[in-house]
Amino acid sequence: MRTESFDYPLSPERIAQTPLPERDASRLLQVHPDGGVTDHWFTDLPGLLRSGDLLVANETRVRHARLHGTDAAGRNVELLLLEHLGGDDYTCLARPGRRASPGAELQFEGGLSAAVLAGAGTHPGERTVRLRIAGGDVERAVEAAGTAPVPPYIREVQGDPGRYQTVYAAGDPSSAAAPTAGLHFTDAVLSALRAHGIGWTTVRLDVGLGTFAPMRGEAVDDHVMHREHYDVSEAAAAAIEHTRARGGRVVAVGTTVVRVLESCAGDDGIRAGTGSTGLFIRPGFRFRAVDALVTNFHQPRSTLLVLLAAFIGDAWREAYAHALQSGYRFLSFGDCMLCWPRR
């Protein structure tokens, strides 16, 4: 498979720059098993599912992962924190990377500083850093000094930065990006789902380079996925197995949930536990855990688009063409899809 096979024309004006005033006011494009599409609103979701179905969402909380600071010469430098390695050490992306060479000292607001320890991984800007704050807690200092890590195609953050966080996010902040399919949910939609007899459970995948790193090579198979930490509780695994036993369908909210569940799927069902996954789902993959997918519209040439193609086949091309022609909003703050696998 060629990377160029997952390209499509996306003009900048089709990329949503701000969230809608109401989270659940998004449009929803349903892709049916025969490849046909129908137009809906996100608030229609409870009526598009069946009593006994189960939605599985990613409850990860986004860290204020973008740090703006200076190097020893006073030049601007930016770090995007990716993963907490333990202690005060983190992996991150540095921009520009030449100002964050091993041995460099970087300064940020509130007395937070970073010592660049080494290069890391395969991305040219990836670094390992040690954060420091005099007499304080590093994670708290990051939350105070950092900003919401919205994607680079968002030109300026406007309004409430909390809109780049799901309403059901839980636990300590640990992700470098939001699981954006979940941004459409509101308390009202969650209540409507319960009223329709549709179940809800959460898993966790800390979003990092594995989710948003672009494919840079000419062949899809040349791309190497970065690993991301996940957690599937005993309660979540039991809810999935109970749904299956009663003939319900498992609906993943976002590609991160697909990767977690398919990483934990065995012949005896979903295995609970923690770990890390570098699963790269491509056309030809045999899905064992997920029956439907709620997802946003993805960037051209992305691993997320490849996953969608694995799930619904070439129907993604017709669906995206319809969405572009019909004025849907694309990417993180845009509209979404409800996808059923192609028969």
C-alpha atoms as a PDB file:
ATOM      1  CA  MET A   1       0.000   0.000   0.000  1.00  0.00           C
ATOM      2  CA  ARG A   2       1.234   3.431  -0.953  1.00  0.00           C
ATOM      3  CA  THR A   3       0.929   6.333   1.453  1.00  0.00           C
ATOM      4  CA  GLU A   4      -0.415   8.452  -1.404  1.00  0.00           C
ATOM      5  CA  SER A   5      -3.413   6.095  -1.609  1.00  0.00           C
ATOM      6  CA  PHE A   6      -4.671   7.685   1.611  1.00  0.00           C
ATOM      7  CA  ASP A   7      -4.537  11.246   0.333  1.00  0.00           C
ATOM      8  CA  TYR A   8      -7.501  13.478  -0.438  1.00  0.00           C
ATOM      9  CA  PRO A   9      -7.905  17.208  -1.151  1.00  0.00           C
ATOM     10  CA  LEU A  10      -8.462  19.080   2.120  1.00  0.00           C
ATOM     11  CA  SER A  11      -8.415  22.849   1.765  1.00  0.00           C
ATOM     12  CA  PRO A  12      -7.545  24.916   4.866  1.00  0.00           C
ATOM     13  CA  GLU A  13     -10.987  26.512   5.030  1.00  0.00           C
ATOM     14  CA  ARG A  14     -12.556  23.085   5.658  1.00  0.00           C
ATOM     15  CA  ILE A  15     -10.529  22.603   8.857  1.00  0.00           C
ATOM     16  CA  ALA A  16     -12.569  23.681  11.887  1.00  0.00           C
ATOM     17  CA  GLN A  17     -10.566  26.306  13.768  1.00  0.00           C
ATOM     18  CA  THR A  18     -12.868  26.582  16.769  1.00  0.00           C
ATOM     19  CA  PRO A  19     -15.346  24.279  18.483  1.00  0.00           C
ATOM     20  CA  LEU A  20     -19.051  24.938  18.053  1.00  0.00           C
ATOM     21  CA  PRO A  21     -20.775  26.864  20.867  1.00  0.00           C
ATOM     22  CA  GLU A  22     -22.420  23.607  21.967  1.00  0.00           C
ATOM     23  CA  ARG A  23     -20.409  20.385  21.948  1.00  0.00           C
ATOM     24  CA  ASP A  24     -23.277  18.211  20.747  1.00  0.00           C
ATOM     25  CA  ALA A  25     -24.308  20.555  17.892  1.00  0.00           C
ATOM     26  CA  SER A  26     -21.920  18.725  15.542  1.00  0.00           C
ATOM     27  CA  ARG A  27     -23.109  16.959  12.439  1.00  0.00           C
ATOM     28  CA  LEU A  28     -22.790  13.182  12.194  1.00  0.00           C
ATOM     29  CA  LEU A  29     -22.329  11.242   8.966  1.00  0.00           C
ATOM     30  CA  GLN A  30     -23.440   7.619   9.239  1.00  0.00           C
ATOM     31  CA  VAL A  31     -21.629   5.155   6.961  1.00  0.00           C
ATOM     32  CA  HIS A  32     -23.799   2.064   6.532  1.00  0.00           C
ATOM     33  CA  PRO A  33     -22.586  -1.527   5.987  1.00  0.00           C
ATOM     34  CA  ASP A  34     -23.394  -1.269   2.259  1.00  0.00           C
ATOM     35  CA  GLY A  35     -21.207   1.852   1.964  1.00  0.00           C
ATOM     36  CA  GLY A  36     -24.118   4.260   1.716  1.00  0.00           C
ATOM     37  CA  VAL A  37     -24.205   7.396   3.864  1.00  0.00           C
ATOM     38  CA  THR A  38     -26.903   9.399   5.656  1.00  0.00           C
ATOM     39  CA  ASP A  39     -26.683  12.813   7.300  1.00  0.00           C
ATOM     40  CA  HIS A  40     -27.555  13.290  10.973  1.00  0.00           C
ATOM     41  CA  TRP A  41     -26.795  15.425  14.014  1.00  0.00           C
ATOM     42  CA  PHE A  42     -24.700  14.145  16.899  1.00  0.00           C
ATOM     43  CA  THR A  43     -27.740  14.325  19.170  1.00  0.00           C
ATOM     44  CA  ASP A  44     -29.291  11.635  16.939  1.00  0.00           C
ATOM     45  CA  LEU A  45     -26.684   9.098  18.106  1.00  0.00           C
ATOM     46  CA  PRO A  46     -28.851   7.367  20.769  1.00  0.00           C
ATOM     47  CA  GLY A  47     -31.520   6.675  18.153  1.00  0.00           C
ATOM     48  CA  LEU A  48     -28.974   5.268  15.690  1.00  0.00           C
ATOM     49  CA  LEU A  49     -27.895   2.569  18.158  1.00  0.00           C
ATOM     50  CA  ARG A  50     -29.857  -0.274  19.782  1.00  0.00           C
ATOM     51  CA  SER A  51     -30.753  -0.975  23.369  1.00  0.00           C
ATOM     52  CA  GLY A  52     -28.066  -3.333  24.656  1.00  0.00           C
ATOM     53  CA  ASP A  53     -25.238  -1.746  22.654  1.00  0.00           C
ATOM     54  CA  LEU A  54     -22.179  -0.477  24.542  1.00  0.00           C
ATOM     55  CA  LEU A  55     -20.149   2.675  23.903  1.00  0.00           C
ATOM     56  CA  VAL A  56     -16.498   2.482  24.968  1.00  0.00           C
ATOM     57  CA  ALA A  57     -14.676   5.814  25.337  1.00  0.00           C
ATOM     58  CA  ASN A  58     -11.143   6.933  26.163  1.00  0.00           C
ATOM     59  CA  GLU A  59     -11.188   8.715  29.537  1.00  0.00           C
ATOM     60  CA  THR A  60      -7.635  10.091  29.305  1.00  0.00           C
ATOM     61  CA  ARG A  61      -7.161  13.672  30.474  1.00  0.00           C
ATOM     62  CA  VAL A  62      -5.077  16.056  28.368  1.00  0.00           C
ATOM     63  CA  ARG A  63      -2.034  17.616  30.023  1.00  0.00           C
ATOM     64  CA  HIS A  64      -1.120  21.270  29.454  1.00  0.00           C
ATOM     65  CA  ALA A  65       1.611  19.704  27.391  1.00  0.00           C
ATOM     66  CA  ARG A  66       2.825  22.648  25.290  1.00  0.00           C
ATOM     67  CA  LEU A  67       5.582  24.631  26.996  1.00  0.00           C
ATOM     68  CA  HIS A  68       6.877  27.884  25.485  1.00  0.00           C
ATOM     69  CA  GLY A  69      10.266  29.027  26.733  1.00  0.00           C
ATOM     70  CA  THR A  70      13.780  30.124  25.815  1.00  0.00           C
ATOM     71  CA  ASP A  71      17.222  28.590  25.505  1.00  0.00           C
ATOM     72  CA  ALA A  72      20.405  29.929  27.121  1.00  0.00           C
ATOM     73  CA  ALA A  73      20.734  32.504  24.310  1.00  0.00           C
ATOM     74  CA  GLY A  74      17.217  33.808  24.860  1.00  0.00           C
ATOM     75  CA  ARG A  75      15.828  32.263  21.677  1.00  0.00           C
ATOM     76  CA  ASN A  76      12.305  30.860  21.624  1.00  0.00           C
ATOM     77  CA  VAL A  77      11.868  27.116  21.974  1.00  0.00           C
ATOM     78  CA  GLU A  78       8.810  24.933  22.435  1.00  0.00           C
ATOM     79  CA  LEU A  79       8.406  21.528  24.050  1.00  0.00           C
ATOM     80  CA  LEU A  80       5.421  19.253  23.601  1.00  0.00           C
ATOM     81  CA  LEU A  81       5.465  16.739  26.453  1.00  0.00           C
ATOM     82  CA  LEU A  82       4.617  13.224  25.247  1.00  0.00           C
ATOM     83  CA  GLU A  83       5.185  10.756  28.064  1.00  0.00           C
ATOM     84  CA  HIS A  84       6.153  10.797  31.728  1.00  0.00           C
ATOM     85  CA  LEU A  85       9.025   8.335  32.097  1.00  0.00           C
ATOM     86  CA  GLY A  86       9.108   8.424  35.890  1.00  0.00           C
ATOM     87  CA  GLY A  87      10.678  10.815  38.357  1.00  0.00           C
ATOM     88  CA  ASP A  88      10.986  14.161  36.585  1.00  0.00           C
ATOM     89  CA  ASP A  89      11.962  12.722  33.183  1.00  0.00           C
ATOM     90  CA  TYR A  90       9.764  13.044  30.095  1.00  0.00           C
ATOM     91  CA  THR A  91       9.924  12.424  26.385  1.00  0.00           C
ATOM     92  CA  CYS A  92       8.868  15.384  24.293  1.00  0.00           C
ATOM     93  CA  LEU A  93       9.003  16.985  20.874  1.00  0.00           C
ATOM     94  CA  ALA A  94      11.239  20.046  20.665  1.00  0.00           C
ATOM     95  CA  ARG A  95      10.790  22.821  18.120  1.00  0.00           C
ATOM     96  CA  PRO A  96      13.156  23.879  16.727  1.00  0.00           C
ATOM     97  CA  GLY A  97      15.121  20.788  17.581  1.00  0.00           C
ATOM     98  CA  ARG A  98      18.510  22.434  17.057  1.00  0.00           C
ATOM     99  CA  ARG A  99      17.888  24.634  20.121  1.00  0.00           C
ATOM    100  CA  ALA A 100      17.259  21.567  22.284  1.00  0.00           C
ATOM    101  CA  SER A 101      20.393  19.527  21.707  1.00  0.00           C
ATOM    102  CA  PRO A 102      21.558  17.211  24.497  1.00  0.00           C
ATOM    103  CA  GLY A 103      23.077  19.345  27.252  1.00  0.00           C
ATOM    104  CA  ALA A 104      20.892  22.380  26.553  1.00  0.00           C
ATOM    105  CA  GLU A 105      19.138  24.182  29.426  1.00  0.00           C
ATOM    106  CA  LEU A 106      15.698  25.634  28.748  1.00  0.00           C
ATOM    107  CA  GLN A 107      13.661  28.057  30.845  1.00  0.00           C
ATOM    108  CA  PHE A 108       9.868  28.360  31.102  1.00  0.00           C
ATOM    109  CA  GLU A 109       7.367  30.418  33.062  1.00  0.00           C
ATOM    110  CA  GLY A 110       7.013  30.091  36.820  1.00  0.00           C
ATOM    111  CA  GLY A 111      10.590  28.954  37.396  1.00  0.00           C
ATOM    112  CA  LEU A 112      10.150  25.690  35.481  1.00  0.00           C
ATOM    113  CA  SER A 113      13.291  24.564  33.641  1.00  0.00           C
ATOM    114  CA  ALA A 114      14.347  21.602  31.506  1.00  0.00           C
ATOM    115  CA  ALA A 115      17.677  19.906  30.982  1.00  0.00           C
ATOM    116  CA  VAL A 116      17.847  18.111  27.635  1.00  0.00           C
ATOM    117  CA  LEU A 117      19.308  14.676  28.327  1.00  0.00           C
ATOM    118  CA  ALA A 118      19.283  12.950  24.942  1.00  0.00           C
ATOM    119  CA  GLY A 119      17.594  12.452  21.631  1.00  0.00           C
ATOM    120  CA  ALA A 120      14.840   9.846  21.745  1.00  0.00           C
ATOM    121  CA  GLY A 121      12.974   7.611  19.334  1.00  0.00           C
ATOM    122  CA  THR A 122      12.802   7.935  15.572  1.00  0.00           C
ATOM    123  CA  HIS A 123      11.197  11.366  15.270  1.00  0.00           C
ATOM    124  CA  PRO A 124      13.865  14.035  14.530  1.00  0.00           C
ATOM    125  CA  GLY A 125      12.485  16.378  17.195  1.00  0.00           C
ATOM    126  CA  GLU A 126      12.025  13.791  19.930  1.00  0.00           C
ATOM    127  CA  ARG A 127      14.013  14.418  23.112  1.00  0.00           C
ATOM    128  CA  THR A 128      14.316  13.138  26.664  1.00  0.00           C
ATOM    129  CA  VAL A 129      14.292  15.993  29.192  1.00  0.00           C
ATOM    130  CA  ARG A 130      14.447  16.360  32.968  1.00  0.00           C
ATOM    131  CA  LEU A 131      12.100  19.031  34.313  1.00  0.00           C
ATOM    132  CA  ARG A 132      12.912  21.004  37.466  1.00  0.00           C
ATOM    133  CA  ILE A 133      11.070  23.428  39.713  1.00  0.00           C
ATOM    134  CA  ALA A 134      12.579  24.789  42.930  1.00  0.00           C
ATOM    135  CA  GLY A 135      10.734  23.444  45.950  1.00  0.00           C
ATOM    136  CA  GLY A 136       7.653  22.455  43.991  1.00  0.00           C
ATOM    137  CA  ASP A 137       5.774  19.741  42.168  1.00  0.00           C
ATOM    138  CA  VAL A 138       6.777  19.357  38.502  1.00  0.00           C
ATOM    139  CA  GLU A 139       3.371  18.179  37.263  1.00  0.00           C
ATOM    140  CA  ARG A 140       1.646  21.112  38.962  1.00  0.00           C
ATOM    141  CA  ALA A 141       4.228  23.482  37.461  1.00  0.00           C
ATOM    142  CA  VAL A 142       3.581  22.035  33.993  1.00  0.00           C
ATOM    143  CA  GLU A 143      -0.166  22.585  34.366  1.00  0.00           C
ATOM    144  CA  ALA A 144       0.505  26.196  35.417  1.00  0.00           C
ATOM    145  CA  ALA A 145       3.110  27.039  32.770  1.00  0.00           C
ATOM    146  CA  GLY A 146       1.805  24.983  29.836  1.00  0.00           C
ATOM    147  CA  THR A 147      -1.028  25.493  27.398  1.00  0.00           C
ATOM    148  CA  ALA A 148      -3.526  23.176  25.741  1.00  0.00           C
ATOM    149  CA  PRO A 149      -1.698  21.118  23.088  1.00  0.00           C
ATOM    150  CA  VAL A 150      -4.081  21.805  20.212  1.00  0.00           C
ATOM    151  CA  PRO A 151      -2.822  20.543  16.824  1.00  0.00           C
ATOM    152  CA  PRO A 152      -0.613  22.785  14.661  1.00  0.00           C
ATOM    153  CA  TYR A 153      -3.355  23.272  12.063  1.00  0.00           C
ATOM    154  CA  ILE A 154      -5.326  25.203  14.717  1.00  0.00           C
ATOM    155  CA  ARG A 155      -3.964  28.701  14.145  1.00  0.00           C
ATOM    156  CA  GLU A 156      -5.028  30.244  17.459  1.00  0.00           C
ATOM    157  CA  VAL A 157      -6.720  28.915  20.568  1.00  0.00           C
ATOM    158  CA  GLN A 158      -9.895  30.889  21.207  1.00  0.00           C
ATOM    159  CA  GLY A 159     -12.409  30.712  24.031  1.00  0.00           C
ATOM    160  CA  ASP A 160     -12.349  28.096  26.761  1.00  0.00           C
ATOM    161  CA  PRO A 161      -9.261  25.831  26.553  1.00  0.00           C
ATOM    162  CA  GLY A 162     -11.326  23.247  28.442  1.00  0.00           C
ATOM    163  CA  ARG A 163     -13.154  22.562  25.183  1.00  0.00           C
ATOM    164  CA  TYR A 164     -10.093  20.506  24.199  1.00  0.00           C
ATOM    165  CA  GLN A 165     -11.038  18.067  26.980  1.00  0.00           C
ATOM    166  CA  THR A 166     -13.874  15.541  27.096  1.00  0.00           C
ATOM    167  CA  VAL A 167     -16.600  16.012  29.715  1.00  0.00           C
ATOM    168  CA  TYR A 168     -15.839  12.537  31.087  1.00  0.00           C
ATOM    169  CA  ALA A 169     -12.038  12.839  31.335  1.00  0.00           C
ATOM    170  CA  ALA A 170     -10.757  11.257  34.543  1.00  0.00           C
ATOM    171  CA  GLY A 171      -7.528  10.793  36.458  1.00  0.00           C
ATOM    172  CA  ASP A 172      -4.328  12.783  36.289  1.00  0.00           C
ATOM    173  CA  PRO A 173      -3.543  14.661  33.062  1.00  0.00           C
ATOM    174  CA  SER A 174      -1.289  12.470  30.928  1.00  0.00           C
ATOM    175  CA  SER A 175      -2.061  12.909  27.207  1.00  0.00           C
ATOM    176  CA  ALA A 176      -0.421  15.135  24.615  1.00  0.00           C
ATOM    177  CA  ALA A 177      -3.616  15.357  22.550  1.00  0.00           C
ATOM    178  CA  ALA A 178      -7.324  14.880  23.087  1.00  0.00           C
ATOM    179  CA  PRO A 179      -9.259  11.793  21.994  1.00  0.00           C
ATOM    180  CA  THR A 180     -11.261  14.092  19.752  1.00  0.00           C
ATOM    181  CA  ALA A 181     -14.163  11.767  18.896  1.00  0.00           C
ATOM    182  CA  GLY A 182     -15.243  12.222  22.505  1.00  0.00           C
ATOM    183  CA  LEU A 183     -15.387  16.021  22.370  1.00  0.00           C
ATOM    184  CA  HIS A 184     -18.971  15.901  21.017  1.00  0.00           C
ATOM    185  CA  PHE A 185     -20.458  14.233  24.098  1.00  0.00           C
ATOM    186  CA  THR A 186     -22.436  16.220  26.669  1.00  0.00           C
ATOM    187  CA  ASP A 187     -24.201  15.257  29.858  1.00  0.00           C
ATOM    188  CA  ALA A 188     -27.483  15.498  27.925  1.00  0.00           C
ATOM    189  CA  VAL A 189     -26.310  13.015  25.278  1.00  0.00           C
ATOM    190  CA  LEU A 190     -24.993  10.641  27.942  1.00  0.00           C
ATOM    191  CA  SER A 191     -28.377  10.797  29.692  1.00  0.00           C
ATOM    192  CA  ALA A 192     -30.183  10.104  26.407  1.00  0.00           C
ATOM    193  CA  LEU A 193     -27.968   7.081  25.794  1.00  0.00           C
ATOM    194  CA  ARG A 194     -28.853   5.665  29.213  1.00  0.00           C
ATOM    195  CA  ALA A 195     -32.536   6.299  28.558  1.00  0.00           C
ATOM    196  CA  HIS A 196     -32.256   4.268  25.336  1.00  0.00           C
ATOM    197  CA  GLY A 197     -30.688   1.337  27.204  1.00  0.00           C
ATOM    198  CA  ILE A 198     -27.237   1.895  25.708  1.00  0.00           C
ATOM    199  CA  GLY A 199     -24.311   1.091  27.970  1.00  0.00           C
ATOM    200  CA  TRP A 200     -21.202   3.148  28.652  1.00  0.00           C
ATOM    201  CA  THR A 201     -17.729   2.254  29.860  1.00  0.00           C
ATOM    202  CA  THR A 202     -14.254   3.723  29.529  1.00  0.00           C
ATOM    203  CA  VAL A 203     -10.708   2.589  28.921  1.00  0.00           C
ATOM    204  CA  ARG A 204      -7.573   4.697  28.830  1.00  0.00           C
ATOM    205  CA  LEU A 205      -4.937   5.319  26.208  1.00  0.00           C
ATOM    206  CA  ASP A 206      -2.505   8.177  26.785  1.00  0.00           C
ATOM    207  CA  VAL A 207      -2.404   9.889  23.416  1.00  0.00           C
ATOM    208  CA  GLY A 208       1.042  10.570  21.999  1.00  0.00           C
ATOM    209  CA  LEU A 209       3.050  10.119  18.818  1.00  0.00           C
ATOM    210  CA  GLY A 210       1.485   6.737  18.114  1.00  0.00           C
ATOM    211  CA  THR A 211      -1.781   8.534  17.404  1.00  0.00           C
ATOM    212  CA  PHE A 212      -0.728  11.721  15.641  1.00  0.00           C
ATOM    213  CA  ALA A 213       2.689  11.129  14.057  1.00  0.00           C
ATOM    214  CA  PRO A 214       2.335  11.360  10.244  1.00  0.00           C
ATOM    215  CA  MET A 215       3.401   8.685   7.804  1.00  0.00           C
ATOM    216  CA  ARG A 216       6.556  10.032   6.154  1.00  0.00           C
ATOM    217  CA  GLY A 217       7.556   7.145   3.886  1.00  0.00           C
ATOM    218  CA  GLU A 218       6.241   6.209   0.461  1.00  0.00           C
ATOM    219  CA  ALA A 219       4.893   2.848   1.661  1.00  0.00           C
ATOM    220  CA  VAL A 220       2.362   2.467   4.477  1.00  0.00           C
ATOM    221  CA  ASP A 221       4.163  -0.626   5.768  1.00  0.00           C
ATOM    222  CA  ASP A 222       7.338   1.416   6.302  1.00  0.00           C
ATOM    223  CA  HIS A 223       5.697   3.430   9.075  1.00  0.00           C
ATOM    224  CA  VAL A 224       6.679   2.487  12.631  1.00  0.00           C
ATOM    225  CA  MET A 225       4.073   3.223  15.295  1.00  0.00           C
ATOM    226  CA  HIS A 226       5.234   4.723  18.583  1.00  0.00           C
ATOM    227  CA  ARG A 227       3.995   2.906  21.656  1.00  0.00           C
ATOM    228  CA  GLU A 228       1.344   4.413  23.917  1.00  0.00           C
ATOM    229  CA  HIS A 229       0.306   3.374  27.424  1.00  0.00           C
ATOM    230  CA  TYR A 230      -3.159   1.899  27.973  1.00  0.00           C
ATOM    231  CA  ASP A 231      -5.302   0.681  30.868  1.00  0.00           C
ATOM    232  CA  VAL A 232      -8.345  -1.591  30.609  1.00  0.00           C
ATOM    233  CA  SER A 233     -10.093  -2.144  33.949  1.00  0.00           C
ATOM    234  CA  GLU A 234     -11.729  -5.376  35.012  1.00  0.00           C
ATOM    235  CA  ALA A 235     -15.064  -3.520  34.996  1.00  0.00           C
ATOM    236  CA  ALA A 236     -14.614  -2.369  31.398  1.00  0.00           C
ATOM    237  CA  ALA A 237     -13.621  -5.850  30.205  1.00  0.00           C
ATOM    238  CA  ALA A 238     -16.624  -7.344  32.016  1.00  0.00           C
ATOM    239  CA  ALA A 239     -18.995  -4.781  30.465  1.00  0.00           C
ATOM    240  CA  ILE A 240     -17.734  -5.660  26.994  1.00  0.00           C
ATOM    241  CA  GLU A 241     -18.089  -9.398  27.579  1.00  0.00           C
ATOM    242  CA  HIS A 242     -21.572  -8.924  29.060  1.00  0.00           C
ATOM    243  CA  THR A 243     -22.600  -6.915  25.990  1.00  0.00           C
ATOM    244  CA  ARG A 244     -21.291  -9.576  23.655  1.00  0.00           C
ATOM    245  CA  ALA A 245     -23.034 -12.365  25.556  1.00  0.00           C
ATOM    246  CA  ARG A 246     -26.386 -10.573  25.257  1.00  0.00           C
ATOM    247  CA  GLY A 247     -26.004  -9.889  21.514  1.00  0.00           C
ATOM    248  CA  GLY A 248     -25.147  -6.205  21.874  1.00  0.00           C
ATOM    249  CA  ARG A 249     -22.625  -4.330  19.780  1.00  0.00           C
ATOM    250  CA  VAL A 250     -19.403  -2.692  20.971  1.00  0.00           C
ATOM    251  CA  VAL A 251     -19.105   0.864  19.636  1.00  0.00           C
ATOM    252  CA  ALA A 252     -15.660   2.443  19.989  1.00  0.00           C
ATOM    253  CA  VAL A 253     -15.561   6.195  20.563  1.00  0.00           C
ATOM    254  CA  GLY A 254     -12.438   7.061  18.603  1.00  0.00           C
ATOM    255  CA  THR A 255      -9.526   5.282  16.980  1.00  0.00           C
ATOM    256  CA  THR A 256      -7.592   5.220  20.270  1.00  0.00           C
ATOM    257  CA  VAL A 257     -10.265   2.949  21.753  1.00  0.00           C
ATOM    258  CA  VAL A 258     -10.119   0.697  18.680  1.00  0.00           C
ATOM    259  CA  ARG A 259      -6.383   0.263  19.126  1.00  0.00           C
ATOM    260  CA  VAL A 260      -6.727  -0.486  22.847  1.00  0.00           C
ATOM    261  CA  LEU A 261      -9.515  -3.033  22.463  1.00  0.00           C
ATOM    262  CA  GLU A 262      -7.976  -4.789  19.483  1.00  0.00           C
ATOM    263  CA  SER A 263      -4.638  -4.921  21.325  1.00  0.00           C
ATOM    264  CA  CYS A 264      -6.372  -6.634  24.259  1.00  0.00           C
ATOM    265  CA  ALA A 265      -8.639  -8.947  22.251  1.00  0.00           C
ATOM    266  CA  GLY A 266      -8.002 -12.668  22.611  1.00  0.00           C
ATOM    267  CA  ASP A 267      -9.859 -15.830  21.730  1.00  0.00           C
ATOM    268  CA  ASP A 268     -11.427 -15.729  25.190  1.00  0.00           C
ATOM    269  CA  GLY A 269     -12.497 -12.075  25.002  1.00  0.00           C
ATOM    270  CA  ILE A 270     -11.004  -8.765  26.171  1.00  0.00           C
ATOM    271  CA  ARG A 271      -8.117  -9.051  28.612  1.00  0.00           C
ATOM    272  CA  ALA A 272      -8.058  -6.452  31.393  1.00  0.00           C
ATOM    273  CA  GLY A 273      -4.717  -4.921  32.374  1.00  0.00           C
ATOM    274  CA  THR A 274      -2.191  -2.213  31.662  1.00  0.00           C
ATOM    275  CA  GLY A 275       0.521  -2.091  29.064  1.00  0.00           C
ATOM    276  CA  SER A 276       1.599  -0.290  25.931  1.00  0.00           C
ATOM    277  CA  THR A 277       0.576  -0.787  22.343  1.00  0.00           C
ATOM    278  CA  GLY A 278       2.191  -0.012  19.022  1.00  0.00           C
ATOM    279  CA  LEU A 279      -0.596  -1.667  17.024  1.00  0.00           C
ATOM    280  CA  PHE A 280      -0.854  -0.304  13.476  1.00  0.00           C
ATOM    281  CA  ILE A 281      -4.223  -1.298  12.012  1.00  0.00           C
ATOM    282  CA  ARG A 282      -4.164  -1.497   8.200  1.00  0.00           C
ATOM    283  CA  PRO A 283      -6.503  -2.887   5.528  1.00  0.00           C
ATOM    284  CA  GLY A 284      -6.670  -6.653   5.906  1.00  0.00           C
ATOM    285  CA  PHE A 285      -6.748  -6.484   9.709  1.00  0.00           C
ATOM    286  CA  ARG A 286      -9.275  -8.856  11.349  1.00  0.00           C
ATOM    287  CA  PHE A 287     -11.291  -6.940  13.930  1.00  0.00           C
ATOM    288  CA  ARG A 288     -12.247  -9.045  16.945  1.00  0.00           C
ATOM    289  CA  ALA A 289     -13.435  -6.494  19.508  1.00  0.00           C
ATOM    290  CA  VAL A 290     -15.137  -3.542  17.778  1.00  0.00           C
ATOM    291  CA  ASP A 291     -18.461  -3.579  15.915  1.00  0.00           C
ATOM    292  CA  ALA A 292     -18.846   0.138  15.136  1.00  0.00           C
ATOM    293  CA  LEU A 293     -16.793   3.317  15.344  1.00  0.00           C
ATOM    294  CA  VAL A 294     -17.547   6.939  16.201  1.00  0.00           C
ATOM    295  CA  THR A 295     -14.719   9.053  14.823  1.00  0.00           C
ATOM    296  CA  ASN A 296     -13.862  12.504  13.516  1.00  0.00           C
ATOM    297  CA  PHE A 297     -12.661  13.235   9.987  1.00  0.00           C
ATOM    298  CA  HIS A 298      -8.909  12.641   9.792  1.00  0.00           C
ATOM    299  CA  GLN A 299      -5.957  14.247   8.099  1.00  0.00           C
ATOM    300  CA  PRO A 300      -4.763  12.994   4.703  1.00  0.00           C
ATOM    301  CA  ARG A 301      -1.988  10.393   4.818  1.00  0.00           C
ATOM    302  CA  SER A 302      -2.529   9.666   8.513  1.00  0.00           C
ATOM    303  CA  THR A 303      -2.478   6.335  10.320  1.00  0.00           C
ATOM    304  CA  LEU A 304      -5.976   7.198  11.584  1.00  0.00           C
ATOM    305  CA  LEU A 305      -7.280   7.308   8.022  1.00  0.00           C
ATOM    306  CA  VAL A 306      -5.577   3.964   7.320  1.00  0.00           C
ATOM    307  CA  LEU A 307      -7.378   2.493  10.350  1.00  0.00           C
ATOM    308  CA  LEU A 308     -10.691   3.828   9.036  1.00  0.00           C
ATOM    309  CA  ALA A 309      -9.993   2.225   5.651  1.00  0.00           C
ATOM    310  CA  ALA A 310      -9.301  -1.074   7.401  1.00  0.00           C
ATOM    311  CA  PHE A 311     -12.691  -0.817   9.117  1.00  0.00           C
ATOM    312  CA  ILE A 312     -15.000   0.340   6.303  1.00  0.00           C
ATOM    313  CA  GLY A 313     -12.948  -0.355   3.179  1.00  0.00           C
ATOM    314  CA  ASP A 314     -12.970   2.019   0.225  1.00  0.00           C
ATOM    315  CA  ALA A 315     -16.277   3.457   1.469  1.00  0.00           C
ATOM    316  CA  TRP A 316     -14.144   6.058   3.252  1.00  0.00           C
ATOM    317  CA  ARG A 317     -13.471   7.760  -0.094  1.00  0.00           C
ATOM    318  CA  GLU A 318     -17.157   8.206  -0.944  1.00  0.00           C
ATOM    319  CA  ALA A 319     -17.938   9.230   2.626  1.00  0.00           C
ATOM    320  CA  TYR A 320     -15.206  11.886   2.701  1.00  0.00           C
ATOM    321  CA  ALA A 321     -16.208  13.160  -0.740  1.00  0.00           C
ATOM    322  CA  HIS A 322     -19.806  13.487   0.465  1.00  0.00           C
ATOM    323  CA  ALA A 323     -18.689  15.261   3.631  1.00  0.00           C
ATOM    324  CA  LEU A 324     -16.559  17.744   1.679  1.00  0.00           C
ATOM    325  CA  GLN A 325     -19.378  18.446  -0.762  1.00  0.00           C
ATOM    326  CA  SER A 326     -21.919  18.813   2.060  1.00  0.00           C
ATOM    327  CA  GLY A 327     -20.047  21.303   4.217  1.00  0.00           C
ATOM    328  CA  TYR A 328     -18.929  19.072   7.075  1.00  0.00           C
ATOM    329  CA  ARG A 329     -16.219  20.504   9.334  1.00  0.00           C
ATOM    330  CA  PHE A 330     -12.967  18.497   9.454  1.00  0.00           C
ATOM    331  CA  LEU A 331     -10.341  17.407  11.992  1.00  0.00           C
ATOM    332  CA  SER A 332     -10.170  17.896  15.776  1.00  0.00           C
ATOM    333  CA  PHE A 333     -12.863  20.552  16.294  1.00  0.00           C
ATOM    334  CA  GLY A 334     -14.942  19.329  13.361  1.00  0.00           C
ATOM    335  CA  ASP A 335     -17.883  16.993  12.824  1.00  0.00           C
ATOM    336  CA  CYS A 336     -17.885  13.221  13.146  1.00  0.00           C
ATOM    337  CA  MET A 337     -18.944   9.884  11.700  1.00  0.00           C
ATOM    338  CA  LEU A 338     -20.691   6.734  12.875  1.00  0.00           C
ATOM    339  CA  CYS A 339     -19.149   3.886  10.873  1.00  0.00           C
ATOM    340  CA  TRP A 340     -20.308   0.298  10.455  1.00  0.00           C
ATOM    341  CA  PRO A 341     -17.916  -2.226   8.889  1.00  0.00           C
ATOM    342  CA  ARG A 342     -18.418  -2.956   5.203  1.00  0.00           C
ATOM    343  CA  ARG A 343     -20.327  -6.139   4.451  1.00  0.00           C
END
